[in-house]
Amino acid sequence: MKTTLIFLFSALVLTNTRPVFGATKKKKSQSKTSLITKSTPVRQEMNTISGIVRSLGIFIASEQEFVRDSNKVTILKSLEALSSLFKNLKSHPVIGMQGLSLNQGVMNEQLEQTVALIKNDRKSMARAKFNAALNLCVSCHTQSPGTVNKERAKLFADKDIQMLKINNFEKGELYFITRDFEKAVSLYDKYIRASKKTDDDEFIFKALERQLIYFIKIKKSFPEAKAHFETYLKEKRLNSKISQEVGEWVKILSGKSLWENFDPLKVKEEDMEKFMKTFIADDEEGPIFTLTNSSEVYDLNLSSILMDYYNANPNTLHGAKILYWLATLDKRVNDDLFFSLGDYYLQACMENYPKDPIAKDCYDSYLDDLEINYQGKDKDFPPEIKAKIIKLQKLLDIKDEE
């Protein structure tokens, strides 16, 4: 369980407050039977939600299918149904007992933004936004004590994925977003090896990036990543443009992690403060590295260290700064690289640390994201988003400049 929690980098924002993984005490008089009875309507709604998500499987996996005009009505109808279901969903007693209550405000907003984006034909961004929301859902369910049976807990069964008429990259995406990383990496590898140098390199590169995430954030191993990508270079499978990029990865992977033998449970506050001063700037330039100022390898490495430390030390004095930079790193790496969770980090920053000066930086960054999602400043926000902004302004004591 401990290892799972470390891996699930979006876990902190699943609760209304900071993460609490210990069980909450309940009255002894509350029997298992009453618990099951009370949870039945919620379970039915969650089954409905799961069914809708499964019906969207091909669109989750394939951007080509998601952006196809003929599919817009089908996708929009399903997304609106999901949004409505989440608005009316009540917390499941089991989740409450484990301190994993879903922050419905975050989920509702994510789904509403997805609907707004697809209505305005910003389909690629809508897909990335929806996949981020799905990633959050899966994070919650993989921590629930009711998901011991891995086959039963799967959102997409193996046989269902294999029946879809999609390529290995797209199948890998379904496994990746539902955190079956080993199968995803294997499918990405098959996709890369079956590709020709003259093929469109966009998805070949994405497959390589997904593998990089796996080795840096999940396996946390520079040597394994180096050996994996060196194989592609030695076999000369990649075109010159991609080979150059992967070659840069291999050079960095030949060195050491930003923090060798990092154990978040043993790190002291002063050690983390020293580390952050070394690698994170206090201005808009972002994290600073001695070898390069912009490397996906180090960005993922730094993100992994910060997230692991925060999960292990939720009461850290550096919480606001860590959440702000987790969101910043999300943007640096590229929203589509691992289904950005930047919005969640920013909201957690503001809601958990409203008195910290960095909370206002989180607000500015969050507002920028909202303006992008809702077509910019020349278009009014929906009423519910306006209400959210006013609530945050009051929380952070920010005066509206308009």
Protein backbone atom coordinates (compact mmCIF):
# COMPACT_ATOMS: atom_id res chain seq x y z
CA MET A 1 0.00 0.00 0.00
CA LYS A 2 2.82 2.37 0.90
CA THR A 3 4.49 1.89 -2.48
CA THR A 4 1.20 2.45 -4.28
CA LEU A 5 0.65 5.74 -2.50
CA ILE A 6 4.11 6.95 -3.43
CA PHE A 7 3.49 6.14 -7.08
CA LEU A 8 0.12 7.87 -7.25
CA PHE A 9 1.34 11.41 -7.69
CA SER A 10 -2.13 12.90 -7.87
CA ALA A 11 -3.33 11.47 -4.57
CA LEU A 12 -2.96 14.67 -2.53
CA VAL A 13 -5.77 16.47 -4.25
CA LEU A 14 -8.36 13.76 -3.86
CA THR A 15 -9.36 15.04 -0.45
CA ASN A 16 -10.94 18.27 0.72
CA THR A 17 -7.88 18.86 2.90
CA ARG A 18 -4.38 17.46 2.88
CA PRO A 19 -3.99 13.70 2.35
CA VAL A 20 -4.99 11.59 5.33
CA PHE A 21 -4.45 7.90 4.80
CA GLY A 22 -5.33 6.65 8.28
CA ALA A 23 -8.79 5.29 8.94
CA THR A 24 -11.34 7.64 10.49
CA LYS A 25 -13.06 6.22 13.54
CA LYS A 26 -16.72 5.34 13.13
CA LYS A 27 -19.35 4.53 15.74
CA LYS A 28 -19.34 0.86 16.65
CA SER A 29 -23.08 0.69 16.14
CA GLN A 30 -22.66 1.21 12.40
CA SER A 31 -22.81 -2.31 11.01
CA LYS A 32 -21.41 -3.58 7.73
CA THR A 33 -24.97 -4.19 6.55
CA SER A 34 -26.00 -0.56 7.07
CA LEU A 35 -22.79 0.56 5.36
CA ILE A 36 -23.61 -1.51 2.28
CA THR A 37 -27.22 -0.34 2.26
CA LYS A 38 -26.22 3.32 2.39
CA SER A 39 -23.63 2.90 -0.33
CA THR A 40 -25.92 1.14 -2.82
CA PRO A 41 -27.18 4.31 -4.64
CA VAL A 42 -23.61 5.59 -4.87
CA ARG A 43 -22.40 2.25 -6.19
CA GLN A 44 -25.13 2.30 -8.83
CA GLU A 45 -24.12 5.80 -9.91
CA MET A 46 -20.45 4.80 -10.01
CA ASN A 47 -21.37 1.79 -12.18
CA THR A 48 -23.19 4.15 -14.52
CA ILE A 49 -20.15 6.44 -14.61
CA SER A 50 -17.85 3.48 -15.33
CA GLY A 51 -20.14 2.37 -18.15
CA ILE A 52 -20.07 5.81 -19.77
CA VAL A 53 -16.28 6.00 -19.47
CA ARG A 54 -15.93 2.54 -21.04
CA SER A 55 -18.14 3.64 -23.94
CA LEU A 56 -15.69 6.51 -24.49
CA GLY A 57 -12.70 4.15 -24.54
CA ILE A 58 -11.87 4.54 -28.21
CA PHE A 59 -11.99 8.34 -27.91
CA ILE A 60 -9.79 8.29 -24.81
CA ALA A 61 -7.26 6.16 -26.65
CA SER A 62 -7.36 7.84 -30.04
CA GLU A 63 -7.04 11.57 -30.56
CA GLN A 64 -7.93 11.06 -34.22
CA GLU A 65 -11.31 9.63 -33.22
CA PHE A 66 -11.86 12.26 -30.50
CA VAL A 67 -11.39 15.20 -32.87
CA ARG A 68 -13.43 13.70 -35.71
CA ASP A 69 -16.41 16.01 -36.35
CA SER A 70 -18.85 13.11 -36.76
CA ASN A 71 -18.10 11.98 -33.17
CA LYS A 72 -18.63 15.35 -31.49
CA VAL A 73 -22.32 14.86 -30.62
CA THR A 74 -21.71 11.40 -29.12
CA ILE A 75 -18.75 12.56 -27.03
CA LEU A 76 -20.47 15.75 -25.88
CA LYS A 77 -23.60 13.87 -24.79
CA SER A 78 -21.52 11.42 -22.75
CA LEU A 79 -19.41 14.14 -21.15
CA GLU A 80 -22.49 16.15 -20.18
CA ALA A 81 -23.97 13.02 -18.61
CA LEU A 82 -20.77 12.43 -16.63
CA SER A 83 -20.70 16.03 -15.46
CA SER A 84 -24.30 15.76 -14.25
CA LEU A 85 -23.61 12.48 -12.44
CA PHE A 86 -20.57 13.84 -10.60
CA LYS A 87 -22.47 16.93 -9.48
CA ASN A 88 -25.06 14.73 -7.78
CA LEU A 89 -22.68 12.07 -6.49
CA LYS A 90 -22.40 11.63 -2.73
CA SER A 91 -19.24 10.37 -1.04
CA HIS A 92 -19.07 6.61 -0.58
CA PRO A 93 -18.81 5.59 3.12
CA VAL A 94 -15.74 3.45 2.47
CA ILE A 95 -13.91 6.36 0.88
CA GLY A 96 -14.87 8.56 3.81
CA MET A 97 -13.50 6.00 6.26
CA GLN A 98 -10.16 6.00 4.52
CA GLY A 99 -9.81 9.76 4.30
CA LEU A 100 -10.11 9.62 0.52
CA SER A 101 -13.25 11.67 -0.08
CA LEU A 102 -13.26 12.92 -3.63
CA ASN A 103 -13.12 16.67 -3.94
CA GLN A 104 -16.21 16.93 -6.11
CA GLY A 105 -15.57 20.59 -6.77
CA VAL A 106 -12.33 19.74 -8.55
CA MET A 107 -13.90 16.93 -10.58
CA ASN A 108 -16.96 18.99 -11.50
CA GLU A 109 -14.82 21.87 -12.68
CA GLN A 110 -12.58 19.59 -14.73
CA LEU A 111 -15.55 18.03 -16.48
CA GLU A 112 -17.25 21.39 -17.03
CA GLN A 113 -14.08 22.72 -18.61
CA THR A 114 -13.93 19.64 -20.84
CA VAL A 115 -17.51 20.23 -22.00
CA ALA A 116 -16.82 23.92 -22.63
CA LEU A 117 -13.72 23.10 -24.68
CA ILE A 118 -15.42 20.56 -26.91
CA LYS A 119 -18.39 22.89 -27.47
CA ASN A 120 -15.90 25.47 -28.73
CA ASP A 121 -14.22 22.87 -30.98
CA ARG A 122 -11.01 22.85 -28.96
CA LYS A 123 -11.10 19.08 -29.10
CA SER A 124 -7.46 18.18 -28.52
CA MET A 125 -7.38 20.24 -25.34
CA ALA A 126 -10.74 18.78 -24.29
CA ARG A 127 -9.35 15.26 -24.63
CA ALA A 128 -6.26 16.11 -22.56
CA LYS A 129 -8.49 17.71 -19.90
CA PHE A 130 -10.81 14.71 -19.76
CA ASN A 131 -7.94 12.25 -19.57
CA ALA A 132 -6.56 14.22 -16.62
CA ALA A 133 -9.92 13.87 -14.87
CA LEU A 134 -9.96 10.15 -15.61
CA ASN A 135 -6.44 9.86 -14.24
CA LEU A 136 -7.70 11.41 -10.99
CA CYS A 137 -10.59 8.93 -10.79
CA VAL A 138 -8.27 5.98 -11.27
CA SER A 139 -5.92 7.32 -8.59
CA CYS A 140 -8.75 7.31 -6.08
CA HIS A 141 -9.94 3.81 -6.96
CA THR A 142 -6.48 2.27 -6.87
CA GLN A 143 -6.17 3.41 -3.24
CA SER A 144 -9.56 2.13 -2.16
CA PRO A 145 -9.48 -1.03 0.02
CA GLY A 146 -12.16 -2.49 -2.23
CA THR A 147 -9.87 -2.83 -5.24
CA VAL A 148 -7.67 -5.73 -4.19
CA ASN A 149 -8.88 -7.84 -7.10
CA LYS A 150 -6.96 -6.26 -9.96
CA GLU A 151 -9.02 -7.86 -12.71
CA ARG A 152 -12.29 -6.73 -11.15
CA ALA A 153 -10.98 -3.22 -10.61
CA LYS A 154 -10.00 -2.69 -14.22
CA LEU A 155 -11.89 0.05 -15.99
CA PHE A 156 -11.01 -1.50 -19.37
CA ALA A 157 -10.68 -5.29 -19.49
CA ASP A 158 -7.84 -6.73 -21.57
CA LYS A 159 -10.25 -8.45 -23.94
CA ASP A 160 -12.17 -5.20 -24.49
CA ILE A 161 -9.00 -3.29 -25.34
CA GLN A 162 -7.86 -5.99 -27.74
CA MET A 163 -11.21 -5.90 -29.56
CA LEU A 164 -10.94 -2.19 -30.28
CA LYS A 165 -9.84 -1.38 -33.82
CA ILE A 166 -6.97 0.84 -32.75
CA ASN A 167 -3.20 0.58 -33.05
CA ASN A 168 -0.74 -0.48 -30.34
CA PHE A 169 0.02 3.11 -29.35
CA GLU A 170 -3.66 3.79 -28.73
CA LYS A 171 -4.07 0.54 -26.82
CA GLY A 172 -1.05 1.52 -24.77
CA GLU A 173 -2.76 4.81 -23.93
CA LEU A 174 -5.71 2.99 -22.34
CA TYR A 175 -3.38 0.88 -20.22
CA PHE A 176 -1.24 3.90 -19.35
CA ILE A 177 -4.09 6.11 -18.19
CA THR A 178 -5.47 3.27 -16.06
CA ARG A 179 -1.99 2.74 -14.59
CA ASP A 180 -1.22 -0.69 -16.02
CA PHE A 181 2.20 0.69 -16.91
CA GLU A 182 4.03 -2.52 -17.79
CA LYS A 183 1.49 -3.47 -20.47
CA ALA A 184 1.44 0.09 -21.74
CA VAL A 185 5.23 0.22 -22.11
CA SER A 186 5.23 -3.12 -23.90
CA LEU A 187 2.64 -1.89 -26.41
CA TYR A 188 4.51 1.38 -26.95
CA ASP A 189 7.61 -0.70 -27.66
CA LYS A 190 5.74 -2.81 -30.23
CA TYR A 191 4.40 0.35 -31.86
CA ILE A 192 7.88 1.89 -32.12
CA ARG A 193 9.45 -1.29 -33.49
CA ALA A 194 6.73 -1.68 -36.13
CA SER A 195 7.14 1.92 -37.30
CA LYS A 196 9.30 3.10 -40.16
CA LYS A 197 11.64 6.08 -40.10
CA THR A 198 9.44 7.76 -42.69
CA ASP A 199 6.28 7.43 -40.57
CA ASP A 200 4.74 10.44 -38.83
CA ASP A 201 7.04 10.89 -35.85
CA GLU A 202 4.49 12.61 -33.57
CA PHE A 203 3.13 9.42 -32.02
CA ILE A 204 6.47 7.63 -32.11
CA PHE A 205 7.87 10.42 -29.96
CA LYS A 206 4.85 10.35 -27.66
CA ALA A 207 5.34 6.62 -27.16
CA LEU A 208 8.96 7.28 -26.22
CA GLU A 209 7.91 10.04 -23.81
CA ARG A 210 5.41 7.75 -22.10
CA GLN A 211 8.20 5.22 -21.59
CA LEU A 212 10.41 7.94 -20.15
CA ILE A 213 7.70 8.76 -17.58
CA TYR A 214 7.53 5.10 -16.60
CA PHE A 215 11.26 4.77 -15.96
CA ILE A 216 11.69 8.13 -14.17
CA LYS A 217 8.48 8.52 -12.17
CA ILE A 218 7.42 4.91 -11.63
CA LYS A 219 10.58 2.76 -11.74
CA LYS A 220 12.71 5.72 -10.61
CA SER A 221 15.73 4.28 -12.36
CA PHE A 222 18.15 6.22 -14.55
CA PRO A 223 20.18 3.07 -15.42
CA GLU A 224 17.12 1.12 -16.62
CA ALA A 225 15.93 4.09 -18.65
CA LYS A 226 19.38 4.54 -20.20
CA ALA A 227 19.61 0.87 -21.20
CA HIS A 228 16.09 0.94 -22.67
CA PHE A 229 16.60 3.99 -24.89
CA GLU A 230 20.14 3.01 -25.88
CA THR A 231 18.68 -0.10 -27.49
CA TYR A 232 16.61 2.02 -29.90
CA LEU A 233 19.65 4.10 -30.78
CA LYS A 234 21.91 1.09 -31.35
CA GLU A 235 19.31 -0.56 -33.56
CA LYS A 236 18.97 2.71 -35.53
CA ARG A 237 15.17 2.45 -35.44
CA LEU A 238 14.48 6.16 -35.10
CA ASN A 239 14.78 8.98 -37.61
CA SER A 240 17.51 11.58 -37.13
CA LYS A 241 15.28 14.15 -35.42
CA ILE A 242 13.98 11.75 -32.78
CA SER A 243 17.37 10.06 -32.41
CA GLN A 244 18.90 13.40 -31.49
CA GLU A 245 16.31 14.02 -28.77
CA VAL A 246 16.55 10.50 -27.35
CA GLY A 247 20.33 10.80 -27.52
CA GLU A 248 20.09 13.85 -25.23
CA TRP A 249 18.01 11.83 -22.82
CA VAL A 250 20.61 9.07 -22.78
CA LYS A 251 23.40 11.56 -22.02
CA ILE A 252 21.53 12.82 -18.96
CA LEU A 253 20.50 9.31 -17.94
CA SER A 254 24.17 8.32 -17.99
CA GLY A 255 24.61 10.59 -14.98
CA LYS A 256 22.89 10.64 -11.63
CA SER A 257 19.44 11.53 -10.44
CA LEU A 258 19.02 14.99 -8.93
CA TRP A 259 18.84 13.23 -5.56
CA GLU A 260 20.50 9.82 -5.41
CA ASN A 261 18.95 7.22 -3.07
CA PHE A 262 16.13 9.61 -2.24
CA ASP A 263 13.99 8.37 0.65
CA PRO A 264 11.20 10.90 1.40
CA LEU A 265 10.58 9.45 4.86
CA LYS A 266 14.14 10.18 5.95
CA VAL A 267 14.52 13.66 4.46
CA LYS A 268 14.57 16.56 6.94
CA GLU A 269 12.92 19.93 6.29
CA GLU A 270 16.28 21.72 6.10
CA ASP A 271 17.55 19.17 3.54
CA MET A 272 14.52 19.71 1.30
CA GLU A 273 14.90 23.48 1.65
CA LYS A 274 18.54 23.25 0.55
CA PHE A 275 17.60 21.01 -2.38
CA MET A 276 14.87 23.38 -3.57
CA LYS A 277 17.18 26.39 -3.35
CA THR A 278 19.68 24.50 -5.51
CA PHE A 279 17.30 23.49 -8.26
CA ILE A 280 14.35 25.88 -8.12
CA ALA A 281 14.57 29.57 -8.92
CA ASP A 282 12.46 32.19 -7.16
CA ASP A 283 11.58 33.92 -10.43
CA GLU A 284 9.60 32.94 -13.51
CA GLU A 285 12.53 31.20 -15.17
CA GLY A 286 11.65 27.99 -13.38
CA PRO A 287 13.81 25.12 -12.15
CA ILE A 288 17.53 25.55 -12.81
CA PHE A 289 19.78 22.63 -13.71
CA THR A 290 23.53 22.64 -14.12
CA LEU A 291 23.52 20.60 -17.32
CA THR A 292 20.49 22.05 -19.02
CA ASN A 293 17.67 24.46 -18.25
CA SER A 294 15.00 22.43 -20.02
CA SER A 295 15.21 18.66 -20.00
CA GLU A 296 12.25 16.31 -19.80
CA VAL A 297 14.41 13.87 -17.87
CA TYR A 298 15.21 16.33 -15.08
CA ASP A 299 11.74 17.89 -15.11
CA LEU A 300 10.20 14.46 -14.50
CA ASN A 301 12.90 13.60 -11.97
CA LEU A 302 12.32 16.82 -10.01
CA SER A 303 8.54 16.39 -10.15
CA SER A 304 8.85 12.85 -8.80
CA ILE A 305 11.05 13.96 -5.89
CA LEU A 306 8.76 16.82 -4.92
CA MET A 307 5.61 14.71 -5.11
CA ASP A 308 7.09 11.83 -3.13
CA TYR A 309 8.30 14.21 -0.44
CA TYR A 310 4.91 15.92 -0.17
CA ASN A 311 3.06 12.60 0.08
CA ALA A 312 5.41 11.43 2.83
CA ASN A 313 5.42 14.80 4.63
CA PRO A 314 2.01 16.45 4.13
CA ASN A 315 2.65 18.92 6.96
CA THR A 316 5.86 20.24 5.44
CA LEU A 317 6.52 23.97 5.67
CA HIS A 318 7.34 23.89 1.96
CA GLY A 319 3.92 22.56 0.90
CA ALA A 320 2.72 25.61 -1.01
CA LYS A 321 5.97 25.98 -2.94
CA ILE A 322 6.05 22.27 -3.77
CA LEU A 323 2.50 22.34 -5.15
CA TYR A 324 3.18 25.49 -7.16
CA TRP A 325 6.25 23.95 -8.78
CA LEU A 326 4.53 20.65 -9.43
CA ALA A 327 2.00 22.61 -11.48
CA THR A 328 4.78 24.61 -13.16
CA LEU A 329 6.66 21.43 -14.06
CA ASP A 330 3.47 20.01 -15.55
CA LYS A 331 3.37 22.93 -17.97
CA ARG A 332 7.09 22.73 -18.74
CA VAL A 333 6.95 19.07 -19.62
CA ASN A 334 3.86 19.53 -21.81
CA ASP A 335 0.22 19.11 -20.81
CA ASP A 336 -0.28 16.12 -23.08
CA LEU A 337 2.77 14.23 -21.85
CA PHE A 338 1.08 12.69 -18.84
CA PHE A 339 -2.41 14.14 -18.78
CA SER A 340 -1.68 17.27 -16.79
CA LEU A 341 -2.73 17.48 -13.17
CA GLY A 342 -1.55 21.06 -12.81
CA ASP A 343 -5.03 22.41 -11.96
CA TYR A 344 -5.26 20.06 -9.00
CA TYR A 345 -1.89 21.11 -7.61
CA LEU A 346 -2.79 24.79 -7.91
CA GLN A 347 -6.14 24.35 -6.18
CA ALA A 348 -4.53 22.33 -3.39
CA CYS A 349 -1.93 25.08 -3.03
CA MET A 350 -4.60 27.77 -2.59
CA GLU A 351 -7.00 25.79 -0.43
CA ASN A 352 -4.40 24.24 1.89
CA TYR A 353 -2.05 27.24 2.18
CA PRO A 354 -4.17 30.41 1.73
CA LYS A 355 -1.87 32.51 3.96
CA ASP A 356 1.34 31.53 2.19
CA PRO A 357 2.56 34.25 -0.25
CA ILE A 358 2.99 31.59 -2.93
CA ALA A 359 -0.77 30.95 -2.86
CA LYS A 360 -1.26 34.14 -4.87
CA ASP A 361 1.18 32.85 -7.48
CA CYS A 362 -0.92 29.71 -7.61
CA TYR A 363 -4.01 31.89 -8.11
CA ASP A 364 -2.43 33.80 -11.00
CA SER A 365 -1.35 30.58 -12.69
CA TYR A 366 -4.76 29.00 -12.12
CA LEU A 367 -6.54 32.05 -13.57
CA ASP A 368 -4.28 31.91 -16.64
CA ASP A 369 -5.33 28.28 -17.16
CA LEU A 370 -9.02 29.17 -16.82
CA GLU A 371 -8.68 31.92 -19.42
CA ILE A 372 -7.11 29.44 -21.83
CA ASN A 373 -9.80 26.84 -21.17
CA TYR A 374 -12.65 29.30 -21.61
CA GLN A 375 -11.45 31.05 -24.77
CA GLY A 376 -9.58 33.91 -23.12
CA LYS A 377 -10.44 37.17 -21.44
CA ASP A 378 -12.71 38.34 -24.23
CA LYS A 379 -15.32 35.76 -23.22
CA ASP A 380 -17.14 35.63 -19.89
CA PHE A 381 -16.62 32.72 -17.55
CA PRO A 382 -19.66 30.54 -16.80
CA PRO A 383 -21.48 31.55 -13.57
CA GLU A 384 -20.11 28.60 -11.59
CA ILE A 385 -16.52 29.49 -12.54
CA LYS A 386 -17.10 33.14 -11.63
CA ALA A 387 -18.36 31.98 -8.24
CA LYS A 388 -15.26 29.80 -7.84
CA ILE A 389 -12.98 32.74 -8.62
CA ILE A 390 -14.79 35.01 -6.14
CA LYS A 391 -14.51 32.30 -3.48
CA LEU A 392 -10.76 31.98 -4.08
CA GLN A 393 -10.29 35.75 -4.04
CA LYS A 394 -11.98 35.91 -0.63
CA LEU A 395 -9.93 32.99 0.63
CA LEU A 396 -6.66 34.60 -0.47
CA ASP A 397 -7.78 38.18 0.26
CA ILE A 398 -7.28 39.23 -3.36
CA LYS A 399 -9.01 42.34 -4.68
CA ASP A 400 -10.58 42.04 -8.12
CA GLU A 401 -8.68 44.42 -10.38
CA GLU A 402 -11.52 44.81 -12.86
